[in-house]
Amino acid sequence: MEYWFYSFWFWIALVAVIAIIAGVITNAVNKGNETKRYVADAANGGAYKKLADDSAAVNAELLAKLGAVEQRLGSIEKTLTDIP
């Protein structure tokens, strides 16, 4: 009966089980901390609000440039249709 306690495979299996349990606990703690950081960042507006504001500014500039291009194309089209 005492033989299994001294068995090499018993200790290998015990170390593997302990390593798996430690990995699961570590992963759970890391995910919990990551969630807390995400919630705190979202509550403060964080980088997401700045990113949205920057993206809106870039989109406004792009729309202005597209408007200018549309106006130039309109004038070119008018010129081409006016040619007899």
PDB file of N, CA and C in Angstrom:
ATOM      1  N   MET A   1       0.809  -1.195   0.000  1.00  0.00           N
ATOM      2  CA  MET A   1       0.000   0.000   0.000  1.00  0.00           C
ATOM      3  C   MET A   1       0.854   1.261   0.000  1.00  0.00           C
ATOM      4  N   GLU A   2       1.988   1.228   0.622  1.00  0.00           N
ATOM      5  CA  GLU A   2       2.849   2.397   0.677  1.00  0.00           C
ATOM      6  C   GLU A   2       3.626   2.599  -0.619  1.00  0.00           C
ATOM      7  N   TYR A   3       3.601   1.616  -1.475  1.00  0.00           N
ATOM      8  CA  TYR A   3       4.388   1.687  -2.707  1.00  0.00           C
ATOM      9  C   TYR A   3       3.941   2.826  -3.613  1.00  0.00           C
ATOM     10  N   TRP A   4       2.636   3.087  -3.738  1.00  0.00           N
ATOM     11  CA  TRP A   4       2.155   4.121  -4.658  1.00  0.00           C
ATOM     12  C   TRP A   4       2.646   5.498  -4.249  1.00  0.00           C
ATOM     13  N   PHE A   5       2.860   5.718  -2.932  1.00  0.00           N
ATOM     14  CA  PHE A   5       3.321   7.019  -2.465  1.00  0.00           C
ATOM     15  C   PHE A   5       4.756   7.280  -2.896  1.00  0.00           C
ATOM     16  N   TYR A   6       5.535   6.237  -3.015  1.00  0.00           N
ATOM     17  CA  TYR A   6       6.932   6.375  -3.417  1.00  0.00           C
ATOM     18  C   TYR A   6       7.131   6.222  -4.917  1.00  0.00           C
ATOM     19  N   SER A   7       6.058   6.043  -5.623  1.00  0.00           N
ATOM     20  CA  SER A   7       6.143   5.822  -7.066  1.00  0.00           C
ATOM     21  C   SER A   7       6.519   7.116  -7.793  1.00  0.00           C
ATOM     22  N   PHE A   8       7.352   6.965  -8.784  1.00  0.00           N
ATOM     23  CA  PHE A   8       7.783   8.095  -9.610  1.00  0.00           C
ATOM     24  C   PHE A   8       6.597   8.704 -10.349  1.00  0.00           C
ATOM     25  N   TRP A   9       5.712   7.881 -10.877  1.00  0.00           N
ATOM     26  CA  TRP A   9       4.570   8.361 -11.654  1.00  0.00           C
ATOM     27  C   TRP A   9       3.558   9.099 -10.783  1.00  0.00           C
ATOM     28  N   PHE A  10       3.466   8.711  -9.523  1.00  0.00           N
ATOM     29  CA  PHE A  10       2.592   9.430  -8.591  1.00  0.00           C
ATOM     30  C   PHE A  10       3.040  10.879  -8.458  1.00  0.00           C
ATOM     31  N   TRP A  11       4.333  11.074  -8.291  1.00  0.00           N
ATOM     32  CA  TRP A  11       4.846  12.444  -8.112  1.00  0.00           C
ATOM     33  C   TRP A  11       4.753  13.242  -9.406  1.00  0.00           C
ATOM     34  N   ILE A  12       4.967  12.591 -10.535  1.00  0.00           N
ATOM     35  CA  ILE A  12       4.803  13.277 -11.823  1.00  0.00           C
ATOM     36  C   ILE A  12       3.354  13.743 -11.973  1.00  0.00           C
ATOM     37  N   ALA A  13       2.405  12.863 -11.683  1.00  0.00           N
ATOM     38  CA  ALA A  13       0.993  13.208 -11.796  1.00  0.00           C
ATOM     39  C   ALA A  13       0.620  14.292 -10.799  1.00  0.00           C
ATOM     40  N   LEU A  14       1.142  14.220  -9.595  1.00  0.00           N
ATOM     41  CA  LEU A  14       0.840  15.226  -8.574  1.00  0.00           C
ATOM     42  C   LEU A  14       1.345  16.605  -8.996  1.00  0.00           C
ATOM     43  N   VAL A  15       2.559  16.665  -9.521  1.00  0.00           N
ATOM     44  CA  VAL A  15       3.114  17.938  -9.992  1.00  0.00           C
ATOM     45  C   VAL A  15       2.283  18.482 -11.156  1.00  0.00           C
ATOM     46  N   ALA A  16       1.858  17.604 -12.066  1.00  0.00           N
ATOM     47  CA  ALA A  16       1.053  18.049 -13.205  1.00  0.00           C
ATOM     48  C   ALA A  16      -0.286  18.609 -12.741  1.00  0.00           C
ATOM     49  N   VAL A  17      -0.932  17.944 -11.812  1.00  0.00           N
ATOM     50  CA  VAL A  17      -2.223  18.419 -11.307  1.00  0.00           C
ATOM     51  C   VAL A  17      -2.064  19.746 -10.585  1.00  0.00           C
ATOM     52  N   ILE A  18      -1.040  19.873  -9.770  1.00  0.00           N
ATOM     53  CA  ILE A  18      -0.797  21.135  -9.064  1.00  0.00           C
ATOM     54  C   ILE A  18      -0.489  22.253 -10.056  1.00  0.00           C
ATOM     55  N   ALA A  19       0.271  21.958 -11.100  1.00  0.00           N
ATOM     56  CA  ALA A  19       0.585  22.970 -12.117  1.00  0.00           C
ATOM     57  C   ALA A  19      -0.678  23.413 -12.851  1.00  0.00           C
ATOM     58  N   ILE A  20      -1.553  22.496 -13.160  1.00  0.00           N
ATOM     59  CA  ILE A  20      -2.802  22.854 -13.846  1.00  0.00           C
ATOM     60  C   ILE A  20      -3.668  23.723 -12.946  1.00  0.00           C
ATOM     61  N   ILE A  21      -3.781  23.349 -11.679  1.00  0.00           N
ATOM     62  CA  ILE A  21      -4.579  24.145 -10.736  1.00  0.00           C
ATOM     63  C   ILE A  21      -3.979  25.543 -10.583  1.00  0.00           C
ATOM     64  N   ALA A  22      -2.660  25.643 -10.473  1.00  0.00           N
ATOM     65  CA  ALA A  22      -2.005  26.947 -10.348  1.00  0.00           C
ATOM     66  C   ALA A  22      -2.219  27.784 -11.609  1.00  0.00           C
ATOM     67  N   GLY A  23      -2.174  27.147 -12.773  1.00  0.00           N
ATOM     68  CA  GLY A  23      -2.407  27.876 -14.024  1.00  0.00           C
ATOM     69  C   GLY A  23      -3.820  28.410 -14.115  1.00  0.00           C
ATOM     70  N   VAL A  24      -4.788  27.629 -13.688  1.00  0.00           N
ATOM     71  CA  VAL A  24      -6.184  28.079 -13.716  1.00  0.00           C
ATOM     72  C   VAL A  24      -6.380  29.250 -12.757  1.00  0.00           C
ATOM     73  N   ILE A  25      -5.812  29.155 -11.565  1.00  0.00           N
ATOM     74  CA  ILE A  25      -5.939  30.240 -10.594  1.00  0.00           C
ATOM     75  C   ILE A  25      -5.259  31.505 -11.110  1.00  0.00           C
ATOM     76  N   THR A  26      -4.064  31.376 -11.666  1.00  0.00           N
ATOM     77  CA  THR A  26      -3.343  32.533 -12.212  1.00  0.00           C
ATOM     78  C   THR A  26      -4.126  33.187 -13.340  1.00  0.00           C
ATOM     79  N   ASN A  27      -4.684  32.380 -14.225  1.00  0.00           N
ATOM     80  CA  ASN A  27      -5.464  32.906 -15.334  1.00  0.00           C
ATOM     81  C   ASN A  27      -6.704  33.635 -14.825  1.00  0.00           C
ATOM     82  N   ALA A  28      -7.370  33.080 -13.829  1.00  0.00           N
ATOM     83  CA  ALA A  28      -8.565  33.721 -13.276  1.00  0.00           C
ATOM     84  C   ALA A  28      -8.221  35.063 -12.638  1.00  0.00           C
ATOM     85  N   VAL A  29      -7.125  35.118 -11.907  1.00  0.00           N
ATOM     86  CA  VAL A  29      -6.715  36.376 -11.270  1.00  0.00           C
ATOM     87  C   VAL A  29      -6.347  37.408 -12.326  1.00  0.00           C
ATOM     88  N   ASN A  30      -5.618  37.004 -13.363  1.00  0.00           N
ATOM     89  CA  ASN A  30      -5.240  37.942 -14.422  1.00  0.00           C
ATOM     90  C   ASN A  30      -6.460  38.474 -15.167  1.00  0.00           C
ATOM     91  N   LYS A  31      -7.417  37.605 -15.470  1.00  0.00           N
ATOM     92  CA  LYS A  31      -8.632  38.055 -16.163  1.00  0.00           C
ATOM     93  C   LYS A  31      -9.438  38.991 -15.285  1.00  0.00           C
ATOM     94  N   GLY A  32      -9.492  38.713 -13.993  1.00  0.00           N
ATOM     95  CA  GLY A  32     -10.202  39.604 -13.075  1.00  0.00           C
ATOM     96  C   GLY A  32      -9.567  40.978 -13.028  1.00  0.00           C
ATOM     97  N   ASN A  33      -8.239  41.018 -12.949  1.00  0.00           N
ATOM     98  CA  ASN A  33      -7.542  42.310 -12.941  1.00  0.00           C
ATOM     99  C   ASN A  33      -7.710  43.043 -14.260  1.00  0.00           C
ATOM    100  N   GLU A  34      -7.687  42.311 -15.368  1.00  0.00           N
ATOM    101  CA  GLU A  34      -7.873  42.932 -16.681  1.00  0.00           C
ATOM    102  C   GLU A  34      -9.266  43.535 -16.791  1.00  0.00           C
ATOM    103  N   THR A  35     -10.253  42.834 -16.278  1.00  0.00           N
ATOM    104  CA  THR A  35     -11.619  43.344 -16.307  1.00  0.00           C
ATOM    105  C   THR A  35     -11.750  44.589 -15.450  1.00  0.00           C
ATOM    106  N   LYS A  36     -11.126  44.577 -14.286  1.00  0.00           N
ATOM    107  CA  LYS A  36     -11.171  45.760 -13.412  1.00  0.00           C
ATOM    108  C   LYS A  36     -10.530  46.961 -14.095  1.00  0.00           C
ATOM    109  N   ARG A  37      -9.401  46.758 -14.774  1.00  0.00           N
ATOM    110  CA  ARG A  37      -8.747  47.869 -15.488  1.00  0.00           C
ATOM    111  C   ARG A  37      -9.635  48.384 -16.612  1.00  0.00           C
ATOM    112  N   TYR A  38     -10.272  47.467 -17.326  1.00  0.00           N
ATOM    113  CA  TYR A  38     -11.148  47.865 -18.432  1.00  0.00           C
ATOM    114  C   TYR A  38     -12.329  48.664 -17.929  1.00  0.00           C
ATOM    115  N   VAL A  39     -12.939  48.217 -16.848  1.00  0.00           N
ATOM    116  CA  VAL A  39     -14.094  48.919 -16.286  1.00  0.00           C
ATOM    117  C   VAL A  39     -13.678  50.295 -15.770  1.00  0.00           C
ATOM    118  N   ALA A  40     -12.543  50.371 -15.093  1.00  0.00           N
ATOM    119  CA  ALA A  40     -12.068  51.661 -14.585  1.00  0.00           C
ATOM    120  C   ALA A  40     -11.747  52.613 -15.727  1.00  0.00           C
ATOM    121  N   ASP A  41     -11.147  52.104 -16.787  1.00  0.00           N
ATOM    122  CA  ASP A  41     -10.817  52.941 -17.940  1.00  0.00           C
ATOM    123  C   ASP A  41     -12.083  53.416 -18.641  1.00  0.00           C
ATOM    124  N   ALA A  42     -13.053  52.543 -18.771  1.00  0.00           N
ATOM    125  CA  ALA A  42     -14.307  52.916 -19.426  1.00  0.00           C
ATOM    126  C   ALA A  42     -15.080  53.915 -18.585  1.00  0.00           C
ATOM    127  N   ALA A  43     -15.021  53.797 -17.265  1.00  0.00           N
ATOM    128  CA  ALA A  43     -15.732  54.724 -16.389  1.00  0.00           C
ATOM    129  C   ALA A  43     -15.135  56.125 -16.472  1.00  0.00           C
ATOM    130  N   ASN A  44     -13.843  56.205 -16.717  1.00  0.00           N
ATOM    131  CA  ASN A  44     -13.179  57.507 -16.798  1.00  0.00           C
ATOM    132  C   ASN A  44     -13.141  58.065 -18.215  1.00  0.00           C
ATOM    133  N   GLY A  45     -13.724  57.382 -19.150  1.00  0.00           N
ATOM    134  CA  GLY A  45     -13.660  57.836 -20.540  1.00  0.00           C
ATOM    135  C   GLY A  45     -12.466  57.239 -21.234  1.00  0.00           C
ATOM    136  N   GLY A  46     -11.339  57.229 -20.574  1.00  0.00           N
ATOM    137  CA  GLY A  46     -10.135  56.552 -21.016  1.00  0.00           C
ATOM    138  C   GLY A  46      -9.688  56.875 -22.427  1.00  0.00           C
ATOM    139  N   ALA A  47      -8.914  55.987 -22.953  1.00  0.00           N
ATOM    140  CA  ALA A  47      -8.337  56.161 -24.281  1.00  0.00           C
ATOM    141  C   ALA A  47      -9.387  56.000 -25.365  1.00  0.00           C
ATOM    142  N   TYR A  48     -10.489  55.330 -25.047  1.00  0.00           N
ATOM    143  CA  TYR A  48     -11.510  55.092 -26.065  1.00  0.00           C
ATOM    144  C   TYR A  48     -12.199  56.398 -26.461  1.00  0.00           C
ATOM    145  N   LYS A  49     -12.434  57.266 -25.487  1.00  0.00           N
ATOM    146  CA  LYS A  49     -13.066  58.550 -25.781  1.00  0.00           C
ATOM    147  C   LYS A  49     -12.132  59.414 -26.630  1.00  0.00           C
ATOM    148  N   LYS A  50     -10.849  59.433 -26.278  1.00  0.00           N
ATOM    149  CA  LYS A  50      -9.875  60.204 -27.047  1.00  0.00           C
ATOM    150  C   LYS A  50      -9.766  59.650 -28.462  1.00  0.00           C
ATOM    151  N   LEU A  51      -9.773  58.335 -28.584  1.00  0.00           N
ATOM    152  CA  LEU A  51      -9.709  57.713 -29.899  1.00  0.00           C
ATOM    153  C   LEU A  51     -10.928  58.079 -30.741  1.00  0.00           C
ATOM    154  N   ALA A  52     -12.097  58.084 -30.126  1.00  0.00           N
ATOM    155  CA  ALA A  52     -13.316  58.450 -30.853  1.00  0.00           C
ATOM    156  C   ALA A  52     -13.275  59.916 -31.285  1.00  0.00           C
ATOM    157  N   ASP A  53     -12.787  60.796 -30.407  1.00  0.00           N
ATOM    158  CA  ASP A  53     -12.685  62.214 -30.763  1.00  0.00           C
ATOM    159  C   ASP A  53     -11.686  62.429 -31.900  1.00  0.00           C
ATOM    160  N   ASP A  54     -10.543  61.754 -31.830  1.00  0.00           N
ATOM    161  CA  ASP A  54      -9.548  61.862 -32.894  1.00  0.00           C
ATOM    162  C   ASP A  54     -10.100  61.325 -34.213  1.00  0.00           C
ATOM    163  N   SER A  55     -10.807  60.230 -34.129  1.00  0.00           N
ATOM    164  CA  SER A  55     -11.382  59.632 -35.329  1.00  0.00           C
ATOM    165  C   SER A  55     -12.431  60.559 -35.938  1.00  0.00           C
ATOM    166  N   ALA A  56     -13.222  61.218 -35.103  1.00  0.00           N
ATOM    167  CA  ALA A  56     -14.233  62.157 -35.603  1.00  0.00           C
ATOM    168  C   ALA A  56     -13.566  63.344 -36.286  1.00  0.00           C
ATOM    169  N   ALA A  57     -12.460  63.823 -35.741  1.00  0.00           N
ATOM    170  CA  ALA A  57     -11.751  64.944 -36.350  1.00  0.00           C
ATOM    171  C   ALA A  57     -11.179  64.544 -37.710  1.00  0.00           C
ATOM    172  N   VAL A  58     -10.606  63.372 -37.791  1.00  0.00           N
ATOM    173  CA  VAL A  58     -10.053  62.889 -39.064  1.00  0.00           C
ATOM    174  C   VAL A  58     -11.173  62.725 -40.086  1.00  0.00           C
ATOM    175  N   ASN A  59     -12.313  62.196 -39.647  1.00  0.00           N
ATOM    176  CA  ASN A  59     -13.445  62.027 -40.560  1.00  0.00           C
ATOM    177  C   ASN A  59     -13.959  63.368 -41.067  1.00  0.00           C
ATOM    178  N   ALA A  60     -13.969  64.385 -40.211  1.00  0.00           N
ATOM    179  CA  ALA A  60     -14.419  65.714 -40.632  1.00  0.00           C
ATOM    180  C   ALA A  60     -13.471  66.286 -41.690  1.00  0.00           C
ATOM    181  N   GLU A  61     -12.170  66.125 -41.480  1.00  0.00           N
ATOM    182  CA  GLU A  61     -11.198  66.600 -42.471  1.00  0.00           C
ATOM    183  C   GLU A  61     -11.370  65.857 -43.794  1.00  0.00           C
ATOM    184  N   LEU A  62     -11.582  64.566 -43.714  1.00  0.00           N
ATOM    185  CA  LEU A  62     -11.764  63.766 -44.917  1.00  0.00           C
ATOM    186  C   LEU A  62     -13.013  64.193 -45.676  1.00  0.00           C
ATOM    187  N   LEU A  63     -14.085  64.469 -44.966  1.00  0.00           N
ATOM    188  CA  LEU A  63     -15.310  64.937 -45.623  1.00  0.00           C
ATOM    189  C   LEU A  63     -15.100  66.293 -46.294  1.00  0.00           C
ATOM    190  N   ALA A  64     -14.327  67.168 -45.665  1.00  0.00           N
ATOM    191  CA  ALA A  64     -14.037  68.464 -46.276  1.00  0.00           C
ATOM    192  C   ALA A  64     -13.241  68.282 -47.567  1.00  0.00           C
ATOM    193  N   LYS A  65     -12.263  67.406 -47.548  1.00  0.00           N
ATOM    194  CA  LYS A  65     -11.466  67.155 -48.751  1.00  0.00           C
ATOM    195  C   LYS A  65     -12.308  66.517 -49.843  1.00  0.00           C
ATOM    196  N   LEU A  66     -13.170  65.583 -49.459  1.00  0.00           N
ATOM    197  CA  LEU A  66     -14.045  64.957 -50.449  1.00  0.00           C
ATOM    198  C   LEU A  66     -15.014  65.971 -51.055  1.00  0.00           C
ATOM    199  N   GLY A  67     -15.472  66.915 -50.248  1.00  0.00           N
ATOM    200  CA  GLY A  67     -16.338  67.978 -50.763  1.00  0.00           C
ATOM    201  C   GLY A  67     -15.612  68.832 -51.789  1.00  0.00           C
ATOM    202  N   ALA A  68     -14.348  69.143 -51.532  1.00  0.00           N
ATOM    203  CA  ALA A  68     -13.560  69.932 -52.474  1.00  0.00           C
ATOM    204  C   ALA A  68     -13.338  69.162 -53.773  1.00  0.00           C
ATOM    205  N   VAL A  69     -13.068  67.871 -53.661  1.00  0.00           N
ATOM    206  CA  VAL A  69     -12.875  67.049 -54.855  1.00  0.00           C
ATOM    207  C   VAL A  69     -14.174  66.977 -55.657  1.00  0.00           C
ATOM    208  N   GLU A  70     -15.289  66.822 -54.966  1.00  0.00           N
ATOM    209  CA  GLU A  70     -16.591  66.771 -55.645  1.00  0.00           C
ATOM    210  C   GLU A  70     -16.876  68.080 -56.378  1.00  0.00           C
ATOM    211  N   GLN A  71     -16.519  69.182 -55.768  1.00  0.00           N
ATOM    212  CA  GLN A  71     -16.733  70.492 -56.397  1.00  0.00           C
ATOM    213  C   GLN A  71     -15.862  70.631 -57.653  1.00  0.00           C
ATOM    214  N   ARG A  72     -14.617  70.220 -57.564  1.00  0.00           N
ATOM    215  CA  ARG A  72     -13.744  70.297 -58.743  1.00  0.00           C
ATOM    216  C   ARG A  72     -14.236  69.388 -59.855  1.00  0.00           C
ATOM    217  N   LEU A  73     -14.682  68.177 -59.495  1.00  0.00           N
ATOM    218  CA  LEU A  73     -15.210  67.275 -60.516  1.00  0.00           C
ATOM    219  C   LEU A  73     -16.477  67.846 -61.159  1.00  0.00           C
ATOM    220  N   GLY A  74     -17.282  68.522 -60.356  1.00  0.00           N
ATOM    221  CA  GLY A  74     -18.477  69.168 -60.906  1.00  0.00           C
ATOM    222  C   GLY A  74     -18.113  70.246 -61.910  1.00  0.00           C
ATOM    223  N   SER A  75     -17.085  71.037 -61.604  1.00  0.00           N
ATOM    224  CA  SER A  75     -16.676  72.089 -62.541  1.00  0.00           C
ATOM    225  C   SER A  75     -16.077  71.484 -63.811  1.00  0.00           C
ATOM    226  N   ILE A  76     -15.336  70.389 -63.677  1.00  0.00           N
ATOM    227  CA  ILE A  76     -14.778  69.718 -64.865  1.00  0.00           C
ATOM    228  C   ILE A  76     -15.908  69.153 -65.713  1.00  0.00           C
ATOM    229  N   GLU A  77     -16.880  68.548 -65.075  1.00  0.00           N
ATOM    230  CA  GLU A  77     -18.010  68.012 -65.825  1.00  0.00           C
ATOM    231  C   GLU A  77     -18.792  69.102 -66.548  1.00  0.00           C
ATOM    232  N   LYS A  78     -18.952  70.240 -65.892  1.00  0.00           N
ATOM    233  CA  LYS A  78     -19.651  71.368 -66.508  1.00  0.00           C
ATOM    234  C   LYS A  78     -18.875  71.879 -67.735  1.00  0.00           C
ATOM    235  N   THR A  79     -17.560  71.943 -67.573  1.00  0.00           N
ATOM    236  CA  THR A  79     -16.721  72.393 -68.678  1.00  0.00           C
ATOM    237  C   THR A  79     -16.832  71.428 -69.857  1.00  0.00           C
ATOM    238  N   LEU A  80     -16.805  70.127 -69.572  1.00  0.00           N
ATOM    239  CA  LEU A  80     -16.877  69.138 -70.651  1.00  0.00           C
ATOM    240  C   LEU A  80     -18.244  69.140 -71.326  1.00  0.00           C
ATOM    241  N   THR A  81     -19.295  69.392 -70.613  1.00  0.00           N
ATOM    242  CA  THR A  81     -20.631  69.415 -71.222  1.00  0.00           C
ATOM    243  C   THR A  81     -20.867  70.703 -71.983  1.00  0.00           C
ATOM    244  N   ASP A  82     -20.157  71.790 -71.641  1.00  0.00           N
ATOM    245  CA  ASP A  82     -20.313  73.064 -72.341  1.00  0.00           C
ATOM    246  C   ASP A  82     -19.562  73.096 -73.660  1.00  0.00           C
ATOM    247  N   ILE A  83     -18.624  72.185 -73.868  1.00  0.00           N
ATOM    248  CA  ILE A  83     -17.874  72.166 -75.133  1.00  0.00           C
ATOM    249  C   ILE A  83     -18.812  71.698 -76.240  1.00  0.00           C
ATOM    250  N   PRO A  84     -18.877  72.487 -77.341  1.00  0.00           N
ATOM    251  CA  PRO A  84     -19.802  72.115 -78.435  1.00  0.00           C
ATOM    252  C   PRO A  84     -19.316  70.928 -79.245  1.00  0.00           C
TER     253      PRO A  84
END
